[in-house]
Amino acid sequence: MKETCLLCLMLLFCCRSNQSGLTVSPSRSQFFRGESVTLKCEDHSSAGWTLRRNTSKGTRTLCGSGQRLPDDSSCEITYILPSESGVYWCESRGGGASSISVNISVSGGSVILQSPVLPVMEGHDLTLSCQSQTPPSKPSAAFYKDGSLIRTEPTGHMTLQHVSRSDEGLYKCHISAHGESPSSWISVSEKPTTTSAPSSSTAPPPPLHAWLPAVCVGSVILLLCLVVITWKCLQRKSEEEPPPEDVTYSTVSILHRFSRPSSRGRFTSN
């Protein structure tokens, strides 16, 4: 029974696609110097992942080098420095797959732009916040895209509704008497396309990879049921067959003596 359960789990993990996502906490792309940042590879496979980065300190270096962490799939930076600005991503230990990369900027100044660390999907709203280390008397902030002023918001927050691919670019903000934030690249991902029949209002079927775990588990269960049924049938057949009679030579001789016919057509016994 234990071997059967182990087989089911192995097939389930084999059928699942190798996916890993990088999470950043706090979930933003810019940080003040000296803040604490935690990055982790959310592992959805049995392959294992390592967290790497490209910064001014080096290329493809392990983010968790020198840290006392369980493995290389997580990284805790307790005092982040501007030199740790760069690109971070998760990479499979075999080197054959990688996650989406994120850009992290560390400001040496007093203003940062709080923006999503992951791409924003088309049609969703994008909210940007201009933050200062010391609360400004007037939180009004000016927002820029690719060097051009978008608008000035008195609250220090700006929301772009129903973004599209044209909203991709380098964003930054400025607070009077406090300074300017670093620039962050904001990506917009394409909205998944769905096709359906004109007369049907039902939702489209899920993609193929979503069915693979259920198909694998169902196949294993069906195979086990067939094995059990076959074994039961063979066991029942062996129980129904009567055992052979133990016939000896003496039994045959006795029956022959009592069943020998006489000359008158009657059976006689000696």
C-alpha atoms as a PDB file:
ATOM      1  CA  MET A   1       0.000   0.000   0.000  1.00  0.00           C
ATOM      2  CA  LYS A   2       2.867   2.393   0.819  1.00  0.00           C
ATOM      3  CA  GLU A   3       4.520   1.641  -2.504  1.00  0.00           C
ATOM      4  CA  THR A   4       1.240   2.430  -4.312  1.00  0.00           C
ATOM      5  CA  CYS A   5       0.876   5.819  -2.577  1.00  0.00           C
ATOM      6  CA  LEU A   6       4.505   6.648  -3.353  1.00  0.00           C
ATOM      7  CA  LEU A   7       3.925   5.800  -7.018  1.00  0.00           C
ATOM      8  CA  CYS A   8       0.884   8.089  -7.142  1.00  0.00           C
ATOM      9  CA  LEU A   9       2.840  10.984  -5.658  1.00  0.00           C
ATOM     10  CA  MET A  10       5.740  10.489  -8.056  1.00  0.00           C
ATOM     11  CA  LEU A  11       3.425  10.480 -11.063  1.00  0.00           C
ATOM     12  CA  LEU A  12       1.642  13.554  -9.775  1.00  0.00           C
ATOM     13  CA  PHE A  13       4.885  15.497  -9.454  1.00  0.00           C
ATOM     14  CA  CYS A  14       6.078  14.300 -12.856  1.00  0.00           C
ATOM     15  CA  CYS A  15       2.901  15.470 -14.525  1.00  0.00           C
ATOM     16  CA  ARG A  16       3.042  18.915 -13.003  1.00  0.00           C
ATOM     17  CA  SER A  17       4.892  21.531 -15.001  1.00  0.00           C
ATOM     18  CA  ASN A  18       8.122  22.905 -13.596  1.00  0.00           C
ATOM     19  CA  GLN A  19       7.223  26.398 -12.520  1.00  0.00           C
ATOM     20  CA  SER A  20       8.758  28.792 -10.088  1.00  0.00           C
ATOM     21  CA  GLY A  21       7.765  32.319  -9.157  1.00  0.00           C
ATOM     22  CA  LEU A  22       9.896  34.931  -7.434  1.00  0.00           C
ATOM     23  CA  THR A  23       8.261  36.800  -4.558  1.00  0.00           C
ATOM     24  CA  VAL A  24       9.575  40.022  -3.060  1.00  0.00           C
ATOM     25  CA  SER A  25       8.576  41.252   0.400  1.00  0.00           C
ATOM     26  CA  PRO A  26       7.692  44.104   0.679  1.00  0.00           C
ATOM     27  CA  SER A  27       6.208  43.770  -2.797  1.00  0.00           C
ATOM     28  CA  ARG A  28       7.698  46.796  -4.563  1.00  0.00           C
ATOM     29  CA  SER A  29      10.582  47.553  -6.872  1.00  0.00           C
ATOM     30  CA  GLN A  30      12.258  50.462  -5.029  1.00  0.00           C
ATOM     31  CA  PHE A  31      13.682  50.593  -1.510  1.00  0.00           C
ATOM     32  CA  PHE A  32      15.400  53.067   0.731  1.00  0.00           C
ATOM     33  CA  ARG A  33      18.977  52.408   1.742  1.00  0.00           C
ATOM     34  CA  GLY A  34      19.055  50.290   4.901  1.00  0.00           C
ATOM     35  CA  GLU A  35      15.628  48.667   4.486  1.00  0.00           C
ATOM     36  CA  SER A  36      15.060  44.942   4.947  1.00  0.00           C
ATOM     37  CA  VAL A  37      14.076  42.907   1.865  1.00  0.00           C
ATOM     38  CA  THR A  38      13.221  39.198   1.526  1.00  0.00           C
ATOM     39  CA  LEU A  39      13.215  37.353  -1.795  1.00  0.00           C
ATOM     40  CA  LYS A  40      12.096  33.761  -2.247  1.00  0.00           C
ATOM     41  CA  CYS A  41      11.589  31.259  -5.043  1.00  0.00           C
ATOM     42  CA  GLU A  42       8.111  29.765  -4.743  1.00  0.00           C
ATOM     43  CA  ASP A  43       8.930  26.229  -5.876  1.00  0.00           C
ATOM     44  CA  HIS A  44       6.183  24.316  -7.741  1.00  0.00           C
ATOM     45  CA  SER A  45       8.270  21.354  -8.779  1.00  0.00           C
ATOM     46  CA  SER A  46      10.686  18.842  -7.331  1.00  0.00           C
ATOM     47  CA  ALA A  47      13.629  20.149  -9.365  1.00  0.00           C
ATOM     48  CA  GLY A  48      14.808  22.811  -6.911  1.00  0.00           C
ATOM     49  CA  TRP A  49      15.657  26.435  -7.647  1.00  0.00           C
ATOM     50  CA  THR A  50      18.407  28.914  -6.803  1.00  0.00           C
ATOM     51  CA  LEU A  51      18.025  32.676  -6.472  1.00  0.00           C
ATOM     52  CA  ARG A  52      20.503  34.636  -8.589  1.00  0.00           C
ATOM     53  CA  ARG A  53      21.138  38.293  -9.372  1.00  0.00           C
ATOM     54  CA  ASN A  54      23.064  40.651 -11.632  1.00  0.00           C
ATOM     55  CA  THR A  55      24.333  43.679  -9.726  1.00  0.00           C
ATOM     56  CA  SER A  56      27.405  45.881  -9.655  1.00  0.00           C
ATOM     57  CA  LYS A  57      28.891  43.287  -7.288  1.00  0.00           C
ATOM     58  CA  GLY A  58      28.840  40.503  -9.877  1.00  0.00           C
ATOM     59  CA  THR A  59      26.948  38.555 -12.550  1.00  0.00           C
ATOM     60  CA  ARG A  60      24.802  35.468 -11.833  1.00  0.00           C
ATOM     61  CA  THR A  61      25.818  35.510  -8.193  1.00  0.00           C
ATOM     62  CA  LEU A  62      23.828  33.750  -5.509  1.00  0.00           C
ATOM     63  CA  CYS A  63      21.661  36.233  -3.643  1.00  0.00           C
ATOM     64  CA  GLY A  64      21.991  34.307  -0.376  1.00  0.00           C
ATOM     65  CA  SER A  65      25.789  33.988  -0.396  1.00  0.00           C
ATOM     66  CA  GLY A  66      27.181  34.188   3.122  1.00  0.00           C
ATOM     67  CA  GLN A  67      23.735  34.019   4.743  1.00  0.00           C
ATOM     68  CA  ARG A  68      22.544  31.313   7.098  1.00  0.00           C
ATOM     69  CA  LEU A  69      19.539  30.146   5.125  1.00  0.00           C
ATOM     70  CA  PRO A  70      18.121  26.615   4.596  1.00  0.00           C
ATOM     71  CA  ASP A  71      19.004  26.650   0.877  1.00  0.00           C
ATOM     72  CA  ASP A  72      19.816  28.919  -2.056  1.00  0.00           C
ATOM     73  CA  SER A  73      16.164  29.458  -3.007  1.00  0.00           C
ATOM     74  CA  SER A  74      15.682  32.378  -0.597  1.00  0.00           C
ATOM     75  CA  CYS A  75      17.518  35.557   0.267  1.00  0.00           C
ATOM     76  CA  GLU A  76      17.106  37.905   3.215  1.00  0.00           C
ATOM     77  CA  ILE A  77      18.842  41.264   2.936  1.00  0.00           C
ATOM     78  CA  THR A  78      18.592  42.943   6.330  1.00  0.00           C
ATOM     79  CA  TYR A  79      20.342  46.165   5.244  1.00  0.00           C
ATOM     80  CA  ILE A  80      20.060  46.712   1.497  1.00  0.00           C
ATOM     81  CA  LEU A  81      22.568  48.987  -0.236  1.00  0.00           C
ATOM     82  CA  PRO A  82      22.450  50.906  -3.534  1.00  0.00           C
ATOM     83  CA  SER A  83      25.124  48.515  -4.857  1.00  0.00           C
ATOM     84  CA  GLU A  84      22.547  45.703  -4.597  1.00  0.00           C
ATOM     85  CA  SER A  85      20.316  47.309  -7.198  1.00  0.00           C
ATOM     86  CA  GLY A  86      19.918  45.015 -10.173  1.00  0.00           C
ATOM     87  CA  VAL A  87      18.046  42.098 -11.708  1.00  0.00           C
ATOM     88  CA  TYR A  88      16.931  39.131  -9.589  1.00  0.00           C
ATOM     89  CA  TRP A  89      15.532  35.812 -10.825  1.00  0.00           C
ATOM     90  CA  CYS A  90      15.065  32.116  -9.928  1.00  0.00           C
ATOM     91  CA  GLU A  91      16.976  29.489 -11.888  1.00  0.00           C
ATOM     92  CA  SER A  92      16.582  25.719 -11.867  1.00  0.00           C
ATOM     93  CA  ARG A  93      19.560  23.847 -10.491  1.00  0.00           C
ATOM     94  CA  GLY A  94      19.995  22.124 -13.816  1.00  0.00           C
ATOM     95  CA  GLY A  95      20.084  25.494 -15.541  1.00  0.00           C
ATOM     96  CA  GLY A  96      17.337  24.609 -18.003  1.00  0.00           C
ATOM     97  CA  ALA A  97      14.578  26.917 -16.745  1.00  0.00           C
ATOM     98  CA  SER A  98      14.209  30.288 -15.073  1.00  0.00           C
ATOM     99  CA  SER A  99      11.459  32.443 -13.623  1.00  0.00           C
ATOM    100  CA  ILE A 100      10.464  35.933 -14.622  1.00  0.00           C
ATOM    101  CA  SER A 101      13.106  38.457 -13.551  1.00  0.00           C
ATOM    102  CA  VAL A 102      12.456  41.520 -11.391  1.00  0.00           C
ATOM    103  CA  ASN A 103      14.331  44.805 -11.184  1.00  0.00           C
ATOM    104  CA  ILE A 104      15.122  46.205  -7.750  1.00  0.00           C
ATOM    105  CA  SER A 105      16.384  49.755  -7.232  1.00  0.00           C
ATOM    106  CA  VAL A 106      17.865  51.047  -3.985  1.00  0.00           C
ATOM    107  CA  SER A 107      17.789  54.791  -3.548  1.00  0.00           C
ATOM    108  CA  GLY A 108      20.595  56.649  -1.867  1.00  0.00           C
ATOM    109  CA  GLY A 109      18.291  59.656  -1.617  1.00  0.00           C
ATOM    110  CA  SER A 110      15.114  60.384   0.325  1.00  0.00           C
ATOM    111  CA  VAL A 111      12.415  59.662  -2.312  1.00  0.00           C
ATOM    112  CA  ILE A 112      11.276  56.396  -3.873  1.00  0.00           C
ATOM    113  CA  LEU A 113       8.518  55.405  -6.289  1.00  0.00           C
ATOM    114  CA  GLN A 114       6.358  52.564  -5.024  1.00  0.00           C
ATOM    115  CA  SER A 115       5.392  50.524  -8.077  1.00  0.00           C
ATOM    116  CA  PRO A 116       4.496  46.840  -8.723  1.00  0.00           C
ATOM    117  CA  VAL A 117       7.507  44.550  -8.818  1.00  0.00           C
ATOM    118  CA  LEU A 118       5.769  42.189 -11.283  1.00  0.00           C
ATOM    119  CA  PRO A 119       4.208  43.039 -14.673  1.00  0.00           C
ATOM    120  CA  VAL A 120       0.699  44.503 -14.683  1.00  0.00           C
ATOM    121  CA  MET A 121      -1.885  42.718 -16.815  1.00  0.00           C
ATOM    122  CA  GLU A 122      -3.616  44.585 -19.624  1.00  0.00           C
ATOM    123  CA  GLY A 123      -6.928  46.096 -18.547  1.00  0.00           C
ATOM    124  CA  HIS A 124      -5.964  46.319 -14.876  1.00  0.00           C
ATOM    125  CA  ASP A 125      -5.358  49.532 -12.949  1.00  0.00           C
ATOM    126  CA  LEU A 126      -1.853  50.690 -12.051  1.00  0.00           C
ATOM    127  CA  THR A 127      -1.309  52.715  -8.856  1.00  0.00           C
ATOM    128  CA  LEU A 128       1.954  54.562  -8.211  1.00  0.00           C
ATOM    129  CA  SER A 129       2.932  56.237  -4.949  1.00  0.00           C
ATOM    130  CA  CYS A 130       5.696  58.753  -4.330  1.00  0.00           C
ATOM    131  CA  GLN A 131       7.172  58.251  -0.857  1.00  0.00           C
ATOM    132  CA  SER A 132       9.667  60.270   1.174  1.00  0.00           C
ATOM    133  CA  GLN A 133      11.686  59.092   4.174  1.00  0.00           C
ATOM    134  CA  THR A 134      10.592  62.174   6.090  1.00  0.00           C
ATOM    135  CA  PRO A 135       6.909  63.121   5.751  1.00  0.00           C
ATOM    136  CA  PRO A 136       6.677  66.215   3.532  1.00  0.00           C
ATOM    137  CA  SER A 137       4.592  69.187   4.539  1.00  0.00           C
ATOM    138  CA  LYS A 138       2.979  69.022   1.111  1.00  0.00           C
ATOM    139  CA  PRO A 139       2.696  65.427  -0.220  1.00  0.00           C
ATOM    140  CA  SER A 140       2.103  66.699  -3.758  1.00  0.00           C
ATOM    141  CA  ALA A 141       4.214  64.752  -6.262  1.00  0.00           C
ATOM    142  CA  ALA A 142       4.917  64.982  -9.984  1.00  0.00           C
ATOM    143  CA  PHE A 143       4.980  61.737 -11.982  1.00  0.00           C
ATOM    144  CA  TYR A 144       7.044  61.186 -15.123  1.00  0.00           C
ATOM    145  CA  LYS A 145       7.110  58.542 -17.841  1.00  0.00           C
ATOM    146  CA  ASP A 146      10.170  58.247 -20.084  1.00  0.00           C
ATOM    147  CA  GLY A 147      11.271  61.698 -18.919  1.00  0.00           C
ATOM    148  CA  SER A 148       7.980  63.430 -19.749  1.00  0.00           C
ATOM    149  CA  LEU A 149       5.623  64.803 -17.107  1.00  0.00           C
ATOM    150  CA  ILE A 150       2.344  62.891 -16.861  1.00  0.00           C
ATOM    151  CA  ARG A 151       0.685  64.998 -14.172  1.00  0.00           C
ATOM    152  CA  THR A 152       1.016  66.262 -10.631  1.00  0.00           C
ATOM    153  CA  GLU A 153      -1.070  64.671  -7.908  1.00  0.00           C
ATOM    154  CA  PRO A 154      -1.736  66.557  -4.638  1.00  0.00           C
ATOM    155  CA  THR A 155      -1.996  63.313  -2.652  1.00  0.00           C
ATOM    156  CA  GLY A 156       1.240  61.777  -3.936  1.00  0.00           C
ATOM    157  CA  HIS A 157      -0.667  58.860  -5.520  1.00  0.00           C
ATOM    158  CA  MET A 158      -1.452  58.360  -9.206  1.00  0.00           C
ATOM    159  CA  THR A 159      -3.677  55.687 -10.754  1.00  0.00           C
ATOM    160  CA  LEU A 160      -3.657  54.741 -14.431  1.00  0.00           C
ATOM    161  CA  GLN A 161      -6.882  52.938 -15.294  1.00  0.00           C
ATOM    162  CA  HIS A 162      -7.122  50.044 -17.739  1.00  0.00           C
ATOM    163  CA  VAL A 163      -3.459  50.009 -18.726  1.00  0.00           C
ATOM    164  CA  SER A 164      -2.295  48.768 -22.122  1.00  0.00           C
ATOM    165  CA  ARG A 165       1.049  47.891 -23.670  1.00  0.00           C
ATOM    166  CA  SER A 166       1.559  51.562 -24.516  1.00  0.00           C
ATOM    167  CA  ASP A 167       1.813  52.304 -20.777  1.00  0.00           C
ATOM    168  CA  GLU A 168       5.084  50.393 -20.495  1.00  0.00           C
ATOM    169  CA  GLY A 169       8.100  52.533 -19.748  1.00  0.00           C
ATOM    170  CA  LEU A 170      10.382  54.156 -17.188  1.00  0.00           C
ATOM    171  CA  TYR A 171       8.534  55.891 -14.381  1.00  0.00           C
ATOM    172  CA  LYS A 172       9.803  58.212 -11.666  1.00  0.00           C
ATOM    173  CA  CYS A 173       8.418  60.859  -9.331  1.00  0.00           C
ATOM    174  CA  HIS A 174       9.514  64.108  -7.719  1.00  0.00           C
ATOM    175  CA  ILE A 175       8.560  65.750  -4.416  1.00  0.00           C
ATOM    176  CA  SER A 176       9.415  69.424  -4.033  1.00  0.00           C
ATOM    177  CA  ALA A 177      12.127  70.146  -1.468  1.00  0.00           C
ATOM    178  CA  HIS A 178      12.786  66.399  -1.051  1.00  0.00           C
ATOM    179  CA  GLY A 179      14.114  65.198  -4.356  1.00  0.00           C
ATOM    180  CA  GLU A 180      13.545  62.712  -7.157  1.00  0.00           C
ATOM    181  CA  SER A 181      13.155  58.956  -7.067  1.00  0.00           C
ATOM    182  CA  PRO A 182      15.130  56.484  -9.184  1.00  0.00           C
ATOM    183  CA  SER A 183      13.479  55.314 -12.394  1.00  0.00           C
ATOM    184  CA  SER A 184      11.701  51.938 -12.531  1.00  0.00           C
ATOM    185  CA  TRP A 185      10.653  50.030 -15.632  1.00  0.00           C
ATOM    186  CA  ILE A 186       7.005  48.981 -15.491  1.00  0.00           C
ATOM    187  CA  SER A 187       5.948  46.134 -17.763  1.00  0.00           C
ATOM    188  CA  VAL A 188       2.436  45.339 -18.978  1.00  0.00           C
ATOM    189  CA  SER A 189       1.647  41.713 -19.782  1.00  0.00           C
ATOM    190  CA  GLU A 190      -0.809  40.689 -22.462  1.00  0.00           C
ATOM    191  CA  LYS A 191      -4.261  39.684 -21.373  1.00  0.00           C
ATOM    192  CA  PRO A 192      -4.947  35.973 -22.038  1.00  0.00           C
ATOM    193  CA  THR A 193      -7.060  35.575 -25.143  1.00  0.00           C
ATOM    194  CA  THR A 194     -10.156  33.360 -24.910  1.00  0.00           C
ATOM    195  CA  THR A 195     -12.158  32.008 -27.821  1.00  0.00           C
ATOM    196  CA  SER A 196     -15.753  30.852 -27.502  1.00  0.00           C
ATOM    197  CA  ALA A 197     -18.655  30.066 -29.805  1.00  0.00           C
ATOM    198  CA  PRO A 198     -20.933  33.050 -30.576  1.00  0.00           C
ATOM    199  CA  SER A 199     -24.026  31.326 -29.188  1.00  0.00           C
ATOM    200  CA  SER A 200     -22.344  29.940 -26.062  1.00  0.00           C
ATOM    201  CA  SER A 201     -22.003  31.876 -22.821  1.00  0.00           C
ATOM    202  CA  THR A 202     -19.986  29.238 -20.980  1.00  0.00           C
ATOM    203  CA  ALA A 203     -16.417  29.848 -19.890  1.00  0.00           C
ATOM    204  CA  PRO A 204     -13.607  28.414 -22.046  1.00  0.00           C
ATOM    205  CA  PRO A 205     -12.110  25.111 -20.937  1.00  0.00           C
ATOM    206  CA  PRO A 206      -8.950  25.251 -18.831  1.00  0.00           C
ATOM    207  CA  PRO A 207      -5.589  24.764 -20.589  1.00  0.00           C
ATOM    208  CA  LEU A 208      -4.165  21.298 -21.116  1.00  0.00           C
ATOM    209  CA  HIS A 209      -1.540  21.506 -18.361  1.00  0.00           C
ATOM    210  CA  ALA A 210      -4.312  22.136 -15.815  1.00  0.00           C
ATOM    211  CA  TRP A 211      -5.792  18.686 -16.583  1.00  0.00           C
ATOM    212  CA  LEU A 212      -2.517  16.739 -16.467  1.00  0.00           C
ATOM    213  CA  PRO A 213      -2.398  16.073 -12.681  1.00  0.00           C
ATOM    214  CA  ALA A 214      -6.008  14.829 -12.647  1.00  0.00           C
ATOM    215  CA  VAL A 215      -5.430  12.646 -15.730  1.00  0.00           C
ATOM    216  CA  CYS A 216      -2.290  11.112 -14.207  1.00  0.00           C
ATOM    217  CA  VAL A 217      -3.928  10.347 -10.868  1.00  0.00           C
ATOM    218  CA  GLY A 218      -7.040   8.975 -12.578  1.00  0.00           C
ATOM    219  CA  SER A 219      -4.922   6.686 -14.771  1.00  0.00           C
ATOM    220  CA  VAL A 220      -3.070   5.312 -11.753  1.00  0.00           C
ATOM    221  CA  ILE A 221      -6.322   4.697  -9.845  1.00  0.00           C
ATOM    222  CA  LEU A 222      -7.860   2.936 -12.877  1.00  0.00           C
ATOM    223  CA  LEU A 223      -4.799   0.728 -13.266  1.00  0.00           C
ATOM    224  CA  LEU A 224      -4.867  -0.213  -9.588  1.00  0.00           C
ATOM    225  CA  CYS A 225      -8.594  -1.059  -9.824  1.00  0.00           C
ATOM    226  CA  LEU A 226      -7.966  -3.366 -12.786  1.00  0.00           C
ATOM    227  CA  VAL A 227      -5.172  -5.146 -10.911  1.00  0.00           C
ATOM    228  CA  VAL A 228      -7.362  -5.630  -7.828  1.00  0.00           C
ATOM    229  CA  ILE A 229     -10.340  -6.907  -9.881  1.00  0.00           C
ATOM    230  CA  THR A 230      -8.139  -9.384 -11.779  1.00  0.00           C
ATOM    231  CA  TRP A 231      -6.621 -10.664  -8.527  1.00  0.00           C
ATOM    232  CA  LYS A 232     -10.078 -11.103  -6.955  1.00  0.00           C
ATOM    233  CA  CYS A 233     -11.361 -13.034  -9.977  1.00  0.00           C
ATOM    234  CA  LEU A 234      -8.392 -15.403  -9.943  1.00  0.00           C
ATOM    235  CA  GLN A 235      -8.787 -15.958  -6.196  1.00  0.00           C
ATOM    236  CA  ARG A 236     -12.525 -16.714  -6.522  1.00  0.00           C
ATOM    237  CA  LYS A 237     -11.944 -19.120  -9.409  1.00  0.00           C
ATOM    238  CA  SER A 238      -9.385 -21.065  -7.388  1.00  0.00           C
ATOM    239  CA  GLU A 239     -11.834 -21.348  -4.444  1.00  0.00           C
ATOM    240  CA  GLU A 240     -14.743 -22.640  -6.606  1.00  0.00           C
ATOM    241  CA  GLU A 241     -12.801 -25.518  -8.221  1.00  0.00           C
ATOM    242  CA  PRO A 242     -13.266 -28.737  -6.075  1.00  0.00           C
ATOM    243  CA  PRO A 243     -10.117 -30.507  -5.021  1.00  0.00           C
ATOM    244  CA  PRO A 244      -9.356 -33.780  -6.842  1.00  0.00           C
ATOM    245  CA  GLU A 245     -10.554 -36.982  -5.106  1.00  0.00           C
ATOM    246  CA  ASP A 246      -7.937 -39.162  -3.538  1.00  0.00           C
ATOM    247  CA  VAL A 247      -8.579 -42.407  -5.451  1.00  0.00           C
ATOM    248  CA  THR A 248      -6.376 -45.360  -4.509  1.00  0.00           C
ATOM    249  CA  TYR A 249      -5.882 -48.813  -6.024  1.00  0.00           C
ATOM    250  CA  SER A 250      -7.620 -50.500  -3.100  1.00  0.00           C
ATOM    251  CA  THR A 251     -10.780 -48.458  -3.642  1.00  0.00           C
ATOM    252  CA  VAL A 252     -10.909 -49.452  -7.309  1.00  0.00           C
ATOM    253  CA  SER A 253     -10.480 -53.178  -6.373  1.00  0.00           C
ATOM    254  CA  ILE A 254     -13.320 -53.086  -3.836  1.00  0.00           C
ATOM    255  CA  LEU A 255     -15.698 -51.405  -6.251  1.00  0.00           C
ATOM    256  CA  HIS A 256     -14.816 -53.939  -8.926  1.00  0.00           C
ATOM    257  CA  ARG A 257     -15.593 -56.907  -6.635  1.00  0.00           C
ATOM    258  CA  PHE A 258     -19.006 -55.608  -5.551  1.00  0.00           C
ATOM    259  CA  SER A 259     -20.109 -54.560  -8.995  1.00  0.00           C
ATOM    260  CA  ARG A 260     -19.138 -57.751 -10.986  1.00  0.00           C
ATOM    261  CA  PRO A 261     -22.268 -59.139 -12.743  1.00  0.00           C
ATOM    262  CA  SER A 262     -23.235 -62.826 -12.439  1.00  0.00           C
ATOM    263  CA  SER A 263     -24.023 -65.138 -15.261  1.00  0.00           C
ATOM    264  CA  ARG A 264     -27.787 -64.575 -14.653  1.00  0.00           C
ATOM    265  CA  GLY A 265     -27.530 -60.888 -15.181  1.00  0.00           C
ATOM    266  CA  ARG A 266     -27.534 -60.056 -11.433  1.00  0.00           C
ATOM    267  CA  PHE A 267     -24.823 -58.474  -9.481  1.00  0.00           C
ATOM    268  CA  THR A 268     -23.221 -60.760  -6.988  1.00  0.00           C
ATOM    269  CA  SER A 269     -20.628 -60.198  -4.397  1.00  0.00           C
ATOM    270  CA  ASN A 270     -17.945 -62.599  -3.276  1.00  0.00           C
END
